[in-house]
């Protein structure tokens, strides 16, 4: 399997935007810094809604940032 990461909806923290404004490219920013992604939790597709609800009920923000696919 391979993880197909899609970071389009991940907001970049202010400090990362400030660094990027100095001329550091997005690819380099994400390669070097966490950029606010935090923790990834991989779950079965049919459990996404339940897991997101539980995390959000605990005060965590959630985003779907990818999926597993054939390698």
PDB file of N, CA and C in Angstrom:
ATOM      1  N   UNK A   1       0.825  -1.189   0.000  1.00  0.00           N
ATOM      2  CA  UNK A   1       0.000   0.000   0.000  1.00  0.00           C
ATOM      3  C   UNK A   1       0.869   1.253   0.000  1.00  0.00           C
ATOM      4  N   UNK A   2       0.281   2.333  -0.433  1.00  0.00           N
ATOM      5  CA  UNK A   2       0.938   3.635  -0.409  1.00  0.00           C
ATOM      6  C   UNK A   2      -0.066   4.656   0.102  1.00  0.00           C
ATOM      7  N   UNK A   3       0.413   5.651   0.828  1.00  0.00           N
ATOM      8  CA  UNK A   3      -0.454   6.703   1.325  1.00  0.00           C
ATOM      9  C   UNK A   3      -0.395   7.869   0.362  1.00  0.00           C
ATOM     10  N   UNK A   4      -1.540   8.268  -0.167  1.00  0.00           N
ATOM     11  CA  UNK A   4      -1.637   9.406  -1.074  1.00  0.00           C
ATOM     12  C   UNK A   4      -2.017  10.627  -0.244  1.00  0.00           C
ATOM     13  N   UNK A   5      -1.060  11.495   0.000  1.00  0.00           N
ATOM     14  CA  UNK A   5      -1.239  12.658   0.870  1.00  0.00           C
ATOM     15  C   UNK A   5      -1.728  13.855   0.067  1.00  0.00           C
ATOM     16  N   UNK A   6      -2.766  14.511   0.554  1.00  0.00           N
ATOM     17  CA  UNK A   6      -3.329  15.701  -0.090  1.00  0.00           C
ATOM     18  C   UNK A   6      -3.398  16.803   0.965  1.00  0.00           C
ATOM     19  N   UNK A   7      -2.511  17.766   0.878  1.00  0.00           N
ATOM     20  CA  UNK A   7      -2.402  18.815   1.901  1.00  0.00           C
ATOM     21  C   UNK A   7      -3.086  20.121   1.517  1.00  0.00           C
ATOM     22  N   UNK A   8      -3.878  20.102   0.447  1.00  0.00           N
ATOM     23  CA  UNK A   8      -4.499  21.350  -0.011  1.00  0.00           C
ATOM     24  C   UNK A   8      -5.357  22.025   1.051  1.00  0.00           C
ATOM     25  N   UNK A   9      -6.017  21.265   1.916  1.00  0.00           N
ATOM     26  CA  UNK A   9      -6.910  21.847   2.913  1.00  0.00           C
ATOM     27  C   UNK A   9      -6.246  22.099   4.261  1.00  0.00           C
ATOM     28  N   UNK A  10      -4.957  21.805   4.374  1.00  0.00           N
ATOM     29  CA  UNK A  10      -4.252  21.999   5.643  1.00  0.00           C
ATOM     30  C   UNK A  10      -3.797  23.455   5.731  1.00  0.00           C
ATOM     31  N   UNK A  11      -4.332  24.209   6.703  1.00  0.00           N
ATOM     32  CA  UNK A  11      -3.906  25.609   6.840  1.00  0.00           C
ATOM     33  C   UNK A  11      -2.483  25.689   7.388  1.00  0.00           C
ATOM     34  N   UNK A  12      -1.692  26.565   6.809  1.00  0.00           N
ATOM     35  CA  UNK A  12      -0.312  26.723   7.260  1.00  0.00           C
ATOM     36  C   UNK A  12      -0.284  27.720   8.423  1.00  0.00           C
ATOM     37  N   UNK A  13       0.373  27.366   9.539  1.00  0.00           N
ATOM     38  CA  UNK A  13       0.455  28.276  10.684  1.00  0.00           C
ATOM     39  C   UNK A  13       1.152  29.587  10.325  1.00  0.00           C
ATOM     40  N   UNK A  14       0.859  30.618  11.095  1.00  0.00           N
ATOM     41  CA  UNK A  14       1.409  31.949  10.834  1.00  0.00           C
ATOM     42  C   UNK A  14       2.930  31.940  10.761  1.00  0.00           C
ATOM     43  N   UNK A  15       3.600  31.230  11.663  1.00  0.00           N
ATOM     44  CA  UNK A  15       5.068  31.209  11.641  1.00  0.00           C
ATOM     45  C   UNK A  15       5.587  30.579  10.357  1.00  0.00           C
ATOM     46  N   UNK A  16       4.913  29.558   9.874  1.00  0.00           N
ATOM     47  CA  UNK A  16       5.326  28.922   8.626  1.00  0.00           C
ATOM     48  C   UNK A  16       5.088  29.862   7.444  1.00  0.00           C
ATOM     49  N   UNK A  17       3.979  30.600   7.469  1.00  0.00           N
ATOM     50  CA  UNK A  17       3.716  31.581   6.401  1.00  0.00           C
ATOM     51  C   UNK A  17       4.789  32.664   6.399  1.00  0.00           C
ATOM     52  N   UNK A  18       5.235  33.076   7.593  1.00  0.00           N
ATOM     53  CA  UNK A  18       6.274  34.106   7.689  1.00  0.00           C
ATOM     54  C   UNK A  18       7.586  33.609   7.102  1.00  0.00           C
ATOM     55  N   UNK A  19       7.922  32.362   7.377  1.00  0.00           N
ATOM     56  CA  UNK A  19       9.150  31.781   6.811  1.00  0.00           C
ATOM     57  C   UNK A  19       9.018  31.666   5.296  1.00  0.00           C
ATOM     58  N   UNK A  20       7.861  31.186   4.835  1.00  0.00           N
ATOM     59  CA  UNK A  20       7.638  31.037   3.393  1.00  0.00           C
ATOM     60  C   UNK A  20       7.709  32.379   2.683  1.00  0.00           C
ATOM     61  N   UNK A  21       7.270  33.441   3.359  1.00  0.00           N
ATOM     62  CA  UNK A  21       7.297  34.779   2.767  1.00  0.00           C
ATOM     63  C   UNK A  21       8.720  35.262   2.502  1.00  0.00           C
ATOM     64  N   UNK A  22       9.700  34.631   3.136  1.00  0.00           N
ATOM     65  CA  UNK A  22      11.104  34.992   2.918  1.00  0.00           C
ATOM     66  C   UNK A  22      11.687  34.290   1.695  1.00  0.00           C
ATOM     67  N   UNK A  23      10.837  33.530   0.990  1.00  0.00           N
ATOM     68  CA  UNK A  23      11.283  32.913  -0.252  1.00  0.00           C
ATOM     69  C   UNK A  23      11.440  31.400  -0.209  1.00  0.00           C
ATOM     70  N   UNK A  24      11.056  30.762   0.886  1.00  0.00           N
ATOM     71  CA  UNK A  24      11.158  29.303   0.975  1.00  0.00           C
ATOM     72  C   UNK A  24       9.927  28.709   0.303  1.00  0.00           C
ATOM     73  N   UNK A  25      10.133  27.813  -0.638  1.00  0.00           N
ATOM     74  CA  UNK A  25       9.037  27.214  -1.386  1.00  0.00           C
ATOM     75  C   UNK A  25       8.173  26.289  -0.542  1.00  0.00           C
ATOM     76  N   UNK A  26       6.937  26.082  -0.977  1.00  0.00           N
ATOM     77  CA  UNK A  26       5.986  25.242  -0.244  1.00  0.00           C
ATOM     78  C   UNK A  26       6.523  23.823  -0.071  1.00  0.00           C
ATOM     79  N   UNK A  27       7.077  23.239  -1.135  1.00  0.00           N
ATOM     80  CA  UNK A  27       7.609  21.875  -1.042  1.00  0.00           C
ATOM     81  C   UNK A  27       8.702  21.804   0.019  1.00  0.00           C
ATOM     82  N   UNK A  28       9.597  22.765   0.026  1.00  0.00           N
ATOM     83  CA  UNK A  28      10.681  22.783   1.015  1.00  0.00           C
ATOM     84  C   UNK A  28      10.136  23.006   2.426  1.00  0.00           C
ATOM     85  N   UNK A  29       9.132  23.862   2.551  1.00  0.00           N
ATOM     86  CA  UNK A  29       8.519  24.104   3.867  1.00  0.00           C
ATOM     87  C   UNK A  29       7.946  22.801   4.427  1.00  0.00           C
ATOM     88  N   UNK A  30       7.211  22.077   3.603  1.00  0.00           N
ATOM     89  CA  UNK A  30       6.579  20.848   4.077  1.00  0.00           C
ATOM     90  C   UNK A  30       7.595  19.734   4.294  1.00  0.00           C
ATOM     91  N   UNK A  31       8.683  19.760   3.542  1.00  0.00           N
ATOM     92  CA  UNK A  31       9.722  18.745   3.708  1.00  0.00           C
ATOM     93  C   UNK A  31      10.509  18.969   4.994  1.00  0.00           C
ATOM     94  N   UNK A  32      10.702  20.232   5.357  1.00  0.00           N
ATOM     95  CA  UNK A  32      11.544  20.587   6.496  1.00  0.00           C
ATOM     96  C   UNK A  32      10.762  20.750   7.800  1.00  0.00           C
ATOM     97  N   UNK A  33       9.577  21.333   7.718  1.00  0.00           N
ATOM     98  CA  UNK A  33       8.801  21.648   8.921  1.00  0.00           C
ATOM     99  C   UNK A  33       7.505  20.841   8.943  1.00  0.00           C
ATOM    100  N   UNK A  34       6.932  20.697  10.110  1.00  0.00           N
ATOM    101  CA  UNK A  34       5.652  20.009  10.272  1.00  0.00           C
ATOM    102  C   UNK A  34       4.526  20.809   9.627  1.00  0.00           C
ATOM    103  N   UNK A  35       4.582  22.109   9.668  1.00  0.00           N
ATOM    104  CA  UNK A  35       3.601  23.019   9.072  1.00  0.00           C
ATOM    105  C   UNK A  35       2.192  22.827   9.613  1.00  0.00           C
ATOM    106  N   UNK A  36       2.081  22.372  10.841  1.00  0.00           N
ATOM    107  CA  UNK A  36       0.782  22.297  11.474  1.00  0.00           C
ATOM    108  C   UNK A  36      -0.024  21.049  11.198  1.00  0.00           C
ATOM    109  N   UNK A  37       0.558  20.073  10.541  1.00  0.00           N
ATOM    110  CA  UNK A  37      -0.195  18.861  10.236  1.00  0.00           C
ATOM    111  C   UNK A  37      -0.533  18.113  11.509  1.00  0.00           C
ATOM    112  N   UNK A  38       0.369  18.044  12.451  1.00  0.00           N
ATOM    113  CA  UNK A  38       0.085  17.361  13.708  1.00  0.00           C
ATOM    114  C   UNK A  38       0.121  15.858  13.551  1.00  0.00           C
ATOM    115  N   UNK A  39      -0.891  15.195  14.110  1.00  0.00           N
ATOM    116  CA  UNK A  39      -0.923  13.735  14.128  1.00  0.00           C
ATOM    117  C   UNK A  39      -1.800  13.200  12.998  1.00  0.00           C
ATOM    118  N   UNK A  40      -1.360  12.120  12.390  1.00  0.00           N
ATOM    119  CA  UNK A  40      -2.175  11.427  11.394  1.00  0.00           C
ATOM    120  C   UNK A  40      -2.743  10.163  12.017  1.00  0.00           C
ATOM    121  N   UNK A  41      -4.009   9.906  11.755  1.00  0.00           N
ATOM    122  CA  UNK A  41      -4.673   8.695  12.222  1.00  0.00           C
ATOM    123  C   UNK A  41      -5.228   8.002  10.989  1.00  0.00           C
ATOM    124  N   UNK A  42      -4.780   6.777  10.747  1.00  0.00           N
ATOM    125  CA  UNK A  42      -5.286   6.017   9.600  1.00  0.00           C
ATOM    126  C   UNK A  42      -6.365   5.073  10.083  1.00  0.00           C
ATOM    127  N   UNK A  43      -7.542   5.157   9.461  1.00  0.00           N
ATOM    128  CA  UNK A  43      -8.671   4.318   9.834  1.00  0.00           C
ATOM    129  C   UNK A  43      -9.336   3.774   8.580  1.00  0.00           C
ATOM    130  N   UNK A  44     -10.098   2.701   8.746  1.00  0.00           N
ATOM    131  CA  UNK A  44     -10.857   2.139   7.638  1.00  0.00           C
ATOM    132  C   UNK A  44     -11.844   3.188   7.120  1.00  0.00           C
ATOM    133  N   UNK A  45     -12.078   3.185   5.807  1.00  0.00           N
ATOM    134  CA  UNK A  45     -12.957   4.167   5.182  1.00  0.00           C
ATOM    135  C   UNK A  45     -14.328   4.232   5.860  1.00  0.00           C
ATOM    136  N   UNK A  46     -14.862   3.084   6.259  1.00  0.00           N
ATOM    137  CA  UNK A  46     -16.199   3.074   6.862  1.00  0.00           C
ATOM    138  C   UNK A  46     -16.202   3.559   8.313  1.00  0.00           C
ATOM    139  N   UNK A  47     -15.032   3.867   8.877  1.00  0.00           N
ATOM    140  CA  UNK A  47     -14.941   4.358  10.251  1.00  0.00           C
ATOM    141  C   UNK A  47     -14.589   5.841  10.327  1.00  0.00           C
ATOM    142  N   UNK A  48     -14.378   6.482   9.184  1.00  0.00           N
ATOM    143  CA  UNK A  48     -13.919   7.876   9.173  1.00  0.00           C
ATOM    144  C   UNK A  48     -14.878   8.785   9.930  1.00  0.00           C
ATOM    145  N   UNK A  49     -16.152   8.706   9.646  1.00  0.00           N
ATOM    146  CA  UNK A  49     -17.126   9.589  10.278  1.00  0.00           C
ATOM    147  C   UNK A  49     -17.158   9.400  11.792  1.00  0.00           C
ATOM    148  N   UNK A  50     -17.161   8.159  12.235  1.00  0.00           N
ATOM    149  CA  UNK A  50     -17.205   7.864  13.669  1.00  0.00           C
ATOM    150  C   UNK A  50     -15.944   8.362  14.386  1.00  0.00           C
ATOM    151  N   UNK A  51     -14.783   8.137  13.783  1.00  0.00           N
ATOM    152  CA  UNK A  51     -13.520   8.564  14.395  1.00  0.00           C
ATOM    153  C   UNK A  51     -13.428  10.081  14.424  1.00  0.00           C
ATOM    154  N   UNK A  52     -13.818  10.738  13.336  1.00  0.00           N
ATOM    155  CA  UNK A  52     -13.791  12.205  13.314  1.00  0.00           C
ATOM    156  C   UNK A  52     -14.712  12.771  14.387  1.00  0.00           C
ATOM    157  N   UNK A  53     -15.896  12.204  14.512  1.00  0.00           N
ATOM    158  CA  UNK A  53     -16.848  12.680  15.524  1.00  0.00           C
ATOM    159  C   UNK A  53     -16.268  12.543  16.925  1.00  0.00           C
ATOM    160  N   UNK A  54     -15.644  11.408  17.206  1.00  0.00           N
ATOM    161  CA  UNK A  54     -15.056  11.181  18.519  1.00  0.00           C
ATOM    162  C   UNK A  54     -13.920  12.159  18.791  1.00  0.00           C
ATOM    163  N   UNK A  55     -13.062  12.381  17.818  1.00  0.00           N
ATOM    164  CA  UNK A  55     -11.952  13.321  18.000  1.00  0.00           C
ATOM    165  C   UNK A  55     -12.467  14.743  18.189  1.00  0.00           C
ATOM    166  N   UNK A  56     -13.441  15.136  17.389  1.00  0.00           N
ATOM    167  CA  UNK A  56     -13.983  16.489  17.498  1.00  0.00           C
ATOM    168  C   UNK A  56     -14.708  16.678  18.831  1.00  0.00           C
ATOM    169  N   UNK A  57     -15.371  15.632  19.325  1.00  0.00           N
ATOM    170  CA  UNK A  57     -16.033  15.702  20.634  1.00  0.00           C
ATOM    171  C   UNK A  57     -15.007  15.886  21.753  1.00  0.00           C
ATOM    172  N   UNK A  58     -13.779  15.421  21.514  1.00  0.00           N
ATOM    173  CA  UNK A  58     -12.700  15.573  22.490  1.00  0.00           C
ATOM    174  C   UNK A  58     -11.953  16.891  22.310  1.00  0.00           C
ATOM    175  N   UNK A  59     -12.420  17.738  21.382  1.00  0.00           N
ATOM    176  CA  UNK A  59     -11.810  19.049  21.188  1.00  0.00           C
ATOM    177  C   UNK A  59     -10.734  19.115  20.128  1.00  0.00           C
ATOM    178  N   UNK A  60     -10.576  18.066  19.361  1.00  0.00           N
ATOM    179  CA  UNK A  60      -9.552  18.049  18.304  1.00  0.00           C
ATOM    180  C   UNK A  60     -10.144  18.482  16.968  1.00  0.00           C
ATOM    181  N   UNK A  61      -9.394  19.264  16.208  1.00  0.00           N
ATOM    182  CA  UNK A  61      -9.787  19.610  14.842  1.00  0.00           C
ATOM    183  C   UNK A  61      -9.382  18.453  13.929  1.00  0.00           C
ATOM    184  N   UNK A  62     -10.200  18.150  12.935  1.00  0.00           N
ATOM    185  CA  UNK A  62      -9.874  17.040  12.041  1.00  0.00           C
ATOM    186  C   UNK A  62      -9.960  17.466  10.583  1.00  0.00           C
ATOM    187  N   UNK A  63      -9.161  16.823   9.768  1.00  0.00           N
ATOM    188  CA  UNK A  63      -9.201  16.957   8.314  1.00  0.00           C
ATOM    189  C   UNK A  63      -8.874  15.598   7.715  1.00  0.00           C
ATOM    190  N   UNK A  64      -9.485  15.295   6.598  1.00  0.00           N
ATOM    191  CA  UNK A  64      -9.080  14.108   5.837  1.00  0.00           C
ATOM    192  C   UNK A  64      -8.013  14.588   4.880  1.00  0.00           C
ATOM    193  N   UNK A  65      -6.805  14.017   4.979  1.00  0.00           N
ATOM    194  CA  UNK A  65      -5.680  14.513   4.177  1.00  0.00           C
ATOM    195  C   UNK A  65      -5.107  13.458   3.240  1.00  0.00           C
ATOM    196  N   UNK A  66      -5.856  12.397   2.998  1.00  0.00           N
ATOM    197  CA  UNK A  66      -5.346  11.407   2.060  1.00  0.00           C
ATOM    198  C   UNK A  66      -6.062  10.093   2.185  1.00  0.00           C
ATOM    199  N   UNK A  67      -5.498   9.120   1.475  1.00  0.00           N
ATOM    200  CA  UNK A  67      -6.070   7.792   1.491  1.00  0.00           C
ATOM    201  C   UNK A  67      -5.006   6.776   1.130  1.00  0.00           C
ATOM    202  N   UNK A  68      -5.264   5.544   1.513  1.00  0.00           N
ATOM    203  CA  UNK A  68      -4.379   4.441   1.137  1.00  0.00           C
ATOM    204  C   UNK A  68      -4.767   3.966  -0.252  1.00  0.00           C
ATOM    205  N   UNK A  69      -3.778   3.634  -1.042  1.00  0.00           N
ATOM    206  CA  UNK A  69      -4.023   3.123  -2.381  1.00  0.00           C
ATOM    207  C   UNK A  69      -3.024   2.045  -2.725  1.00  0.00           C
ATOM    208  N   UNK A  70      -3.233   1.415  -3.848  1.00  0.00           N
ATOM    209  CA  UNK A  70      -2.317   0.380  -4.293  1.00  0.00           C
ATOM    210  C   UNK A  70      -0.975   1.009  -4.631  1.00  0.00           C
ATOM    211  N   UNK A  71       0.078   0.290  -4.366  1.00  0.00           N
ATOM    212  CA  UNK A  71       1.426   0.781  -4.658  1.00  0.00           C
ATOM    213  C   UNK A  71       1.899   0.193  -5.957  1.00  0.00           C
TER     214      UNK A  71
END
